[in-house]
């Protein structure tokens, strides 16, 4: 028996996982990926004032720095930034569905 996805999108399941659970997992994966990109950016940062390789920055140090930067940015959120990001995300989702 097929589920009617139009009437009940949560009823559609993949190997026992609901679409809602899959979306939550994808969101968590996206955040994890972005954090990983930040860690790599820190590990490869090279300017005249800060060179990560010269400082022999470890992976653990870079991860801790990334966590601190995320926390610092989280404390500085404002209405303008959130509105801009919401517009970007909705536009990207709309384009992906098209």
N, C-alpha and C. Protein backbone atom coordinates (compact mmCIF):
# COMPACT_ATOMS: atom_id res chain seq x y z
N UNK A 1 0.84 -1.18 0.00
CA UNK A 1 0.00 0.00 0.00
C UNK A 1 0.88 1.24 0.00
N UNK A 2 0.66 2.17 -0.94
CA UNK A 2 1.44 3.39 -1.04
C UNK A 2 0.84 4.47 -0.17
N UNK A 3 1.72 5.28 0.42
CA UNK A 3 1.25 6.43 1.19
C UNK A 3 0.98 7.59 0.24
N UNK A 4 -0.03 8.37 0.55
CA UNK A 4 -0.31 9.56 -0.23
C UNK A 4 0.55 10.70 0.33
N UNK A 5 1.64 11.00 -0.35
CA UNK A 5 2.59 12.00 0.14
C UNK A 5 2.00 13.41 0.14
N UNK A 6 1.04 13.67 -0.73
CA UNK A 6 0.42 14.99 -0.77
C UNK A 6 -0.41 15.24 0.48
N UNK A 7 -1.11 14.22 0.95
CA UNK A 7 -1.95 14.39 2.12
C UNK A 7 -1.18 14.26 3.42
N UNK A 8 -0.17 13.43 3.45
CA UNK A 8 0.55 13.19 4.68
C UNK A 8 2.04 12.97 4.38
N UNK A 9 2.81 14.08 4.20
CA UNK A 9 4.22 13.92 3.84
C UNK A 9 5.04 13.21 4.91
N UNK A 10 4.63 13.29 6.17
CA UNK A 10 5.38 12.62 7.24
C UNK A 10 5.21 11.10 7.14
N UNK A 11 4.14 10.67 6.51
CA UNK A 11 3.89 9.23 6.40
C UNK A 11 4.87 8.56 5.46
N UNK A 12 5.43 9.31 4.51
CA UNK A 12 6.39 8.72 3.59
C UNK A 12 7.64 8.36 4.39
N UNK A 13 8.07 7.11 4.27
CA UNK A 13 9.20 6.66 5.07
C UNK A 13 10.26 6.02 4.18
N UNK A 14 11.47 6.11 4.62
CA UNK A 14 12.58 5.46 3.94
C UNK A 14 13.31 4.62 4.96
N UNK A 15 13.21 3.32 4.80
CA UNK A 15 13.85 2.38 5.74
C UNK A 15 13.53 2.72 7.19
N UNK A 16 12.28 3.00 7.46
CA UNK A 16 11.85 3.26 8.82
C UNK A 16 12.10 4.68 9.31
N UNK A 17 12.60 5.55 8.45
CA UNK A 17 12.90 6.93 8.84
C UNK A 17 11.93 7.86 8.13
N UNK A 18 11.28 8.73 8.90
CA UNK A 18 10.34 9.66 8.30
C UNK A 18 11.08 10.77 7.55
N UNK A 19 10.39 11.44 6.66
CA UNK A 19 10.98 12.57 5.93
C UNK A 19 11.44 13.65 6.90
N UNK A 20 10.67 13.86 7.95
CA UNK A 20 11.05 14.88 8.94
C UNK A 20 12.38 14.51 9.59
N UNK A 21 12.56 13.25 9.92
CA UNK A 21 13.81 12.81 10.53
C UNK A 21 14.98 12.93 9.55
N UNK A 22 14.72 12.64 8.28
CA UNK A 22 15.75 12.78 7.26
C UNK A 22 16.15 14.25 7.12
N UNK A 23 15.16 15.15 7.10
CA UNK A 23 15.45 16.58 6.99
C UNK A 23 16.26 17.07 8.17
N UNK A 24 15.94 16.60 9.37
CA UNK A 24 16.72 16.99 10.55
C UNK A 24 18.15 16.50 10.43
N UNK A 25 18.32 15.29 9.92
CA UNK A 25 19.67 14.75 9.73
C UNK A 25 20.45 15.53 8.70
N UNK A 26 19.78 15.91 7.62
CA UNK A 26 20.44 16.71 6.58
C UNK A 26 20.86 18.06 7.14
N UNK A 27 19.98 18.67 7.94
CA UNK A 27 20.32 19.95 8.56
C UNK A 27 21.53 19.82 9.46
N UNK A 28 21.55 18.78 10.28
CA UNK A 28 22.69 18.56 11.17
C UNK A 28 23.96 18.32 10.36
N UNK A 29 23.84 17.60 9.27
CA UNK A 29 25.00 17.33 8.42
C UNK A 29 25.50 18.62 7.78
N UNK A 30 24.61 19.50 7.37
CA UNK A 30 25.00 20.77 6.77
C UNK A 30 25.75 21.64 7.78
N UNK A 31 25.27 21.68 9.00
CA UNK A 31 25.94 22.47 10.04
C UNK A 31 27.31 21.87 10.34
N UNK A 32 27.39 20.56 10.42
CA UNK A 32 28.66 19.89 10.68
C UNK A 32 29.66 20.17 9.55
N UNK A 33 29.17 20.13 8.31
CA UNK A 33 30.01 20.41 7.15
C UNK A 33 30.55 21.83 7.20
N UNK A 34 29.67 22.79 7.52
CA UNK A 34 30.09 24.20 7.60
C UNK A 34 31.13 24.39 8.70
N UNK A 35 30.94 23.74 9.83
CA UNK A 35 31.92 23.83 10.92
C UNK A 35 33.25 23.24 10.48
N UNK A 36 33.20 22.16 9.73
CA UNK A 36 34.43 21.55 9.20
C UNK A 36 35.15 22.48 8.25
N UNK A 37 34.39 23.20 7.43
CA UNK A 37 35.01 24.18 6.53
C UNK A 37 35.71 25.28 7.32
N UNK A 38 35.08 25.72 8.40
CA UNK A 38 35.69 26.74 9.26
C UNK A 38 36.99 26.23 9.87
N UNK A 39 36.99 24.99 10.35
CA UNK A 39 38.20 24.40 10.92
C UNK A 39 39.31 24.38 9.89
N UNK A 40 39.01 23.96 8.68
CA UNK A 40 40.03 23.92 7.62
C UNK A 40 40.51 25.31 7.25
N UNK A 41 39.60 26.28 7.24
CA UNK A 41 40.01 27.66 6.95
C UNK A 41 40.98 28.17 8.01
N UNK A 42 40.72 27.83 9.26
CA UNK A 42 41.62 28.23 10.36
C UNK A 42 42.97 27.54 10.20
N UNK A 43 42.95 26.25 9.89
CA UNK A 43 44.20 25.48 9.77
C UNK A 43 45.06 25.95 8.61
N UNK A 44 44.43 26.57 7.60
CA UNK A 44 45.17 27.02 6.43
C UNK A 44 45.32 28.54 6.37
N UNK A 45 44.94 29.23 7.44
CA UNK A 45 44.99 30.69 7.47
C UNK A 45 46.44 31.15 7.38
N UNK A 46 46.69 32.10 6.48
CA UNK A 46 48.07 32.57 6.27
C UNK A 46 48.04 34.04 5.89
N UNK A 47 48.39 34.89 6.83
CA UNK A 47 48.53 36.32 6.56
C UNK A 47 49.88 36.76 7.13
N UNK A 48 50.18 38.02 6.96
CA UNK A 48 51.45 38.52 7.50
C UNK A 48 51.44 38.53 9.03
N UNK A 49 50.26 38.49 9.64
CA UNK A 49 50.16 38.53 11.10
C UNK A 49 49.89 37.17 11.74
N UNK A 50 49.35 36.24 10.98
CA UNK A 50 49.02 34.94 11.56
C UNK A 50 49.21 33.86 10.49
N UNK A 51 50.09 32.93 10.76
CA UNK A 51 50.31 31.80 9.86
C UNK A 51 50.12 30.52 10.67
N UNK A 52 49.03 29.82 10.38
CA UNK A 52 48.68 28.62 11.14
C UNK A 52 49.75 27.54 11.06
N UNK A 53 50.37 27.41 9.91
CA UNK A 53 51.40 26.36 9.76
C UNK A 53 52.66 26.70 10.55
N UNK A 54 53.04 27.97 10.52
CA UNK A 54 54.21 28.38 11.30
C UNK A 54 53.97 28.18 12.79
N UNK A 55 52.74 28.41 13.22
CA UNK A 55 52.40 28.25 14.63
C UNK A 55 52.17 26.78 14.99
N UNK A 56 52.21 25.91 13.96
CA UNK A 56 51.99 24.47 14.15
C UNK A 56 50.66 24.21 14.86
N UNK A 57 49.63 24.87 14.36
CA UNK A 57 48.28 24.75 14.91
C UNK A 57 47.79 23.32 14.76
N UNK A 58 47.36 22.71 15.85
CA UNK A 58 46.85 21.34 15.79
C UNK A 58 45.38 21.32 15.39
N UNK A 59 44.92 20.15 14.99
CA UNK A 59 43.51 19.98 14.64
C UNK A 59 42.63 20.32 15.83
N UNK A 60 42.99 19.84 17.00
CA UNK A 60 42.20 20.12 18.21
C UNK A 60 42.13 21.61 18.48
N UNK A 61 43.25 22.29 18.36
CA UNK A 61 43.26 23.75 18.57
C UNK A 61 42.37 24.46 17.56
N UNK A 62 42.45 24.04 16.30
CA UNK A 62 41.62 24.65 15.26
C UNK A 62 40.13 24.39 15.53
N UNK A 63 39.80 23.18 15.98
CA UNK A 63 38.41 22.87 16.30
C UNK A 63 37.90 23.71 17.46
N UNK A 64 38.74 23.89 18.48
CA UNK A 64 38.35 24.70 19.62
C UNK A 64 38.20 26.17 19.21
N UNK A 65 39.09 26.64 18.35
CA UNK A 65 38.98 28.02 17.85
C UNK A 65 37.69 28.19 17.06
N UNK A 66 37.35 27.21 16.23
CA UNK A 66 36.12 27.27 15.44
C UNK A 66 34.90 27.32 16.36
N UNK A 67 34.91 26.50 17.39
CA UNK A 67 33.79 26.51 18.34
C UNK A 67 33.66 27.87 19.01
N UNK A 68 34.79 28.46 19.39
CA UNK A 68 34.77 29.78 20.01
C UNK A 68 34.25 30.85 19.05
N UNK A 69 34.67 30.76 17.79
CA UNK A 69 34.20 31.73 16.80
C UNK A 69 32.70 31.61 16.56
N UNK A 70 32.20 30.38 16.50
CA UNK A 70 30.77 30.15 16.33
C UNK A 70 30.00 30.72 17.52
N UNK A 71 30.51 30.47 18.72
CA UNK A 71 29.85 31.00 19.92
C UNK A 71 29.87 32.52 19.93
N UNK A 72 30.99 33.11 19.55
CA UNK A 72 31.10 34.57 19.52
C UNK A 72 30.12 35.17 18.52
N UNK A 73 30.05 34.57 17.34
CA UNK A 73 29.11 35.06 16.33
C UNK A 73 27.67 34.87 16.79
N UNK A 74 27.39 33.76 17.43
CA UNK A 74 26.04 33.50 17.93
C UNK A 74 25.58 34.59 18.89
N UNK A 75 26.51 35.10 19.68
CA UNK A 75 26.18 36.14 20.65
C UNK A 75 25.96 37.50 19.98
N UNK A 76 26.37 37.61 18.72
CA UNK A 76 26.27 38.90 18.02
C UNK A 76 25.19 38.91 16.94
N UNK A 77 24.28 37.96 16.96
CA UNK A 77 23.22 37.93 15.96
C UNK A 77 22.34 39.17 16.08
N UNK A 78 21.84 39.62 14.93
CA UNK A 78 20.93 40.76 14.94
C UNK A 78 19.83 40.53 13.90
N UNK A 79 18.83 41.39 13.93
CA UNK A 79 17.69 41.25 13.03
C UNK A 79 18.09 41.29 11.57
N UNK A 80 18.96 42.21 11.20
CA UNK A 80 19.37 42.37 9.80
C UNK A 80 20.05 41.10 9.30
N UNK A 81 20.98 40.58 10.07
CA UNK A 81 21.71 39.37 9.68
C UNK A 81 20.75 38.20 9.51
N UNK A 82 19.84 38.01 10.47
CA UNK A 82 18.91 36.89 10.38
C UNK A 82 17.95 37.04 9.20
N UNK A 83 17.49 38.25 8.93
CA UNK A 83 16.60 38.47 7.77
C UNK A 83 17.34 38.19 6.47
N UNK A 84 18.59 38.63 6.36
CA UNK A 84 19.39 38.37 5.16
C UNK A 84 19.60 36.87 4.96
N UNK A 85 19.94 36.18 6.02
CA UNK A 85 20.19 34.75 5.92
C UNK A 85 18.92 33.97 5.60
N UNK A 86 17.80 34.37 6.19
CA UNK A 86 16.53 33.72 5.90
C UNK A 86 16.18 33.87 4.43
N UNK A 87 16.38 35.06 3.88
CA UNK A 87 16.10 35.29 2.46
C UNK A 87 17.00 34.43 1.58
N UNK A 88 18.28 34.33 1.93
CA UNK A 88 19.21 33.51 1.15
C UNK A 88 18.82 32.04 1.17
N UNK A 89 18.49 31.55 2.37
CA UNK A 89 18.13 30.14 2.51
C UNK A 89 16.85 29.83 1.77
N UNK A 90 15.85 30.67 1.91
CA UNK A 90 14.58 30.42 1.21
C UNK A 90 14.76 30.47 -0.30
N UNK A 91 15.60 31.37 -0.78
CA UNK A 91 15.86 31.45 -2.22
C UNK A 91 16.55 30.17 -2.69
N UNK A 92 17.53 29.70 -1.92
CA UNK A 92 18.24 28.46 -2.30
C UNK A 92 17.32 27.27 -2.31
N UNK A 93 16.43 27.17 -1.32
CA UNK A 93 15.50 26.05 -1.25
C UNK A 93 14.53 26.11 -2.43
N UNK A 94 14.05 27.30 -2.74
CA UNK A 94 13.13 27.48 -3.86
C UNK A 94 13.77 27.06 -5.17
N UNK A 95 15.03 27.45 -5.37
CA UNK A 95 15.74 27.08 -6.60
C UNK A 95 15.99 25.57 -6.66
N UNK A 96 16.27 24.96 -5.52
CA UNK A 96 16.52 23.51 -5.50
C UNK A 96 15.26 22.72 -5.84
N UNK A 97 14.11 23.26 -5.46
CA UNK A 97 12.84 22.57 -5.74
C UNK A 97 12.42 22.74 -7.18
N UNK A 98 12.90 23.79 -7.85
CA UNK A 98 12.48 24.08 -9.24
C UNK A 98 13.10 23.13 -10.23
